[in-house]
Protein backbone atom coordinates (compact mmCIF):
# COMPACT_ATOMS: atom_id res chain seq x y z
CA MET A 1 -9.61 -1.85 -10.29
CA HIS A 2 -7.50 -3.26 -13.40
CA PRO A 3 -6.10 -6.78 -12.13
CA MET A 4 -3.04 -5.91 -13.62
CA VAL A 5 -2.53 -2.79 -11.17
CA GLU A 6 -3.79 -4.63 -7.98
CA ASN A 7 -1.40 -7.47 -8.92
CA PHE A 8 1.46 -5.06 -9.28
CA MET A 9 0.47 -3.19 -5.93
CA LEU A 10 0.11 -6.76 -4.19
CA ALA A 11 3.57 -7.52 -5.47
CA ILE A 12 5.00 -4.23 -3.92
CA TYR A 13 3.05 -5.28 -0.64
CA HIS A 14 5.04 -8.66 -0.69
CA LEU A 15 8.43 -6.94 -1.55
CA GLY A 16 7.41 -4.37 1.33
CA THR A 17 6.89 -7.23 3.95
CA ALA A 18 9.91 -9.18 2.96
CA LEU A 19 12.11 -6.42 3.38
CA GLU A 20 10.67 -5.58 6.62
CA GLN A 21 11.21 -9.16 7.67
CA ASP A 22 14.77 -9.29 6.34
CA PRO A 23 16.24 -5.66 6.10
CA ALA A 24 19.40 -7.15 4.54
CA LEU A 25 17.45 -7.58 1.37
CA ARG A 26 17.43 -3.66 1.01
CA ASP A 27 21.12 -3.81 0.07
CA HIS A 28 20.73 -6.38 -2.89
CA ALA A 29 21.53 -4.84 -6.24
CA GLU A 30 18.32 -6.68 -7.57
CA ILE A 31 16.00 -4.23 -5.72
CA ALA A 32 17.52 -1.07 -7.16
CA VAL A 33 17.42 -2.65 -10.60
CA PHE A 34 13.87 -3.49 -9.99
CA PHE A 35 13.24 0.21 -9.34
CA HIS A 36 15.14 1.11 -12.05
CA GLU A 37 13.10 -1.01 -14.55
CA ILE A 38 9.63 -0.10 -13.49
CA GLU A 39 10.12 3.66 -13.56
CA PRO A 40 9.64 4.17 -17.18
CA GLY A 41 6.37 2.36 -16.67
CA ILE A 42 5.34 4.23 -13.64
CA ARG A 43 6.15 7.62 -15.24
CA ASP A 44 4.13 6.68 -18.47
CA ASN A 45 1.08 5.36 -16.82
CA VAL A 46 0.61 8.67 -14.74
CA MET A 47 -2.71 7.58 -13.60
CA LEU A 48 -1.16 4.33 -11.58
CA PRO A 49 0.10 6.17 -8.54
CA GLU A 50 -2.55 9.14 -8.55
CA SER A 51 -5.57 6.84 -9.16
CA TYR A 52 -4.77 3.87 -7.37
CA PRO A 53 -5.87 5.14 -3.90
CA GLN A 54 -9.10 6.36 -5.17
CA ASN A 55 -9.80 3.03 -6.52
CA VAL A 56 -9.07 1.40 -3.43
CA ILE A 57 -11.86 3.63 -1.91
CA ALA A 58 -14.34 2.84 -4.70
CA GLN A 59 -13.92 -0.90 -4.31
CA TYR A 60 -14.69 -0.78 -0.67
CA GLN A 61 -17.57 1.62 -0.83
CA THR A 62 -20.18 -1.40 -0.89
CA THR A 63 -21.30 -3.86 1.72
CA TRP A 64 -18.31 -5.75 3.41
CA GLU A 65 -18.01 -9.50 3.66
CA GLY A 66 -15.43 -11.64 5.57
CA GLY A 67 -11.77 -10.69 5.11
CA GLU A 68 -12.43 -7.37 3.30
CA TRP A 69 -10.65 -5.46 6.03
CA GLU A 70 -7.57 -7.58 5.90
CA GLN A 71 -7.43 -7.05 2.21
CA LEU A 72 -7.99 -3.18 2.55
CA CYS A 73 -5.21 -3.09 4.98
CA ARG A 74 -3.02 -4.87 2.33
CA LEU A 75 -3.79 -2.49 -0.24
CA ARG A 76 -3.23 0.34 1.94
CA SER A 77 0.17 -1.15 3.15
CA ALA A 78 1.01 -1.56 -0.56
CA ILE A 79 0.54 2.24 -1.29
CA GLN A 80 2.81 2.92 1.87
CA PHE A 81 5.24 0.53 0.70
CA LEU A 82 5.36 2.01 -2.88
CA VAL A 83 5.91 5.47 -1.24
CA ASP A 84 8.47 4.58 1.13
CA LEU A 85 10.34 2.07 -1.40
CA THR A 86 10.58 4.67 -4.19
CA ARG A 87 12.10 7.36 -2.15
CA GLY A 88 15.91 7.56 -3.16
CA THR A 89 15.07 5.88 -6.65
CA PRO A 90 14.25 7.24 -9.98
CA ILE A 91 10.70 7.28 -9.13
CA THR A 92 11.03 9.81 -6.22
CA ASP A 93 7.95 12.06 -7.24
CA VAL A 94 5.47 9.30 -6.30
CA PRO A 95 5.14 10.35 -2.63
CA SER A 96 4.29 13.92 -3.76
CA ARG A 97 1.99 13.03 -6.52
CA ILE A 98 -0.26 10.85 -4.20
CA HIS A 99 0.06 12.59 -0.93
CA VAL A 100 -3.75 14.06 -1.03
CA GLU A 101 -5.17 10.85 -2.22
CA ILE A 102 -3.42 8.89 0.53
CA GLU A 103 -5.04 11.35 3.08
CA ASP A 104 -8.24 10.64 1.57
CA VAL A 105 -7.80 6.65 1.90
CA ASP A 106 -6.88 7.24 5.74
CA ASP A 107 -10.01 9.15 6.10
CA HIS A 108 -12.11 6.25 4.66
CA LEU A 109 -10.05 3.89 6.77
CA ARG A 110 -10.99 5.65 9.97
CA ARG A 111 -14.66 5.85 9.13
CA TRP A 112 -14.82 2.28 7.94
CA GLY A 113 -12.73 1.07 11.23
CA GLU A 114 -15.29 2.72 13.23
CA ARG A 115 -18.24 1.10 11.41
CA GLU A 116 -16.43 -2.44 10.97
CA GLY A 117 -14.49 -2.65 14.11
CA GLY A 118 -11.19 -3.11 12.61
CA LEU A 119 -8.94 -6.27 13.09
CA HIS A 120 -7.47 -8.25 16.36
CA ALA A 121 -4.25 -6.92 17.45
CA ASP A 122 -2.38 -10.01 16.20
CA ALA A 123 -4.14 -10.04 12.67
CA ALA A 124 -1.24 -7.85 10.81
CA ASP A 125 0.70 -10.07 8.38
CA PRO A 126 4.26 -10.79 9.06
CA GLY A 127 6.50 -8.05 8.10
CA ILE A 128 4.00 -5.11 8.49
CA PRO A 129 5.70 -2.19 10.41
CA ALA A 130 4.30 -0.46 13.19
CA SER A 131 3.80 2.57 11.67
CA HIS A 132 0.93 1.12 9.43
CA TRP A 133 -1.48 1.98 12.01
CA TRP A 134 -4.63 0.78 9.83
CA TRP A 135 -3.81 -2.96 10.85
CA ARG A 136 -4.70 -1.90 14.32
CA TYR A 137 -7.24 0.74 13.90
CA PRO A 138 -9.40 1.70 15.80
CA GLU A 139 -7.38 0.25 18.63
CA SER A 140 -4.46 2.36 17.64
């Protein structure tokens, strides 16, 4: 996975968790400006939204070491935050463009969760919404 893409997605992850922890931040003009400014880059780099979920799958096909489940959960949450945060912005087509790829990641998460055992219930990072079931899988 290209480091720039992974860094961008981790930034989306941190933005998403910050907004979950302090919903009032959503009303700040800077958030709208941010999505307005990244819109051309996402549109011009069509491969980012479509290929990122598949890159996540490829990255986790090998033997796992300590901490990889947490990192995988962060990357999956980053994908979900990108989908959720781009609704109502100039990038509204992102969710429809990566829907099938997200389902594929989720299928892999379920298989990996059965194999790896998942995380403890309290292991989710602060700001993770309850809808991000992969943090609690296979317990959820």
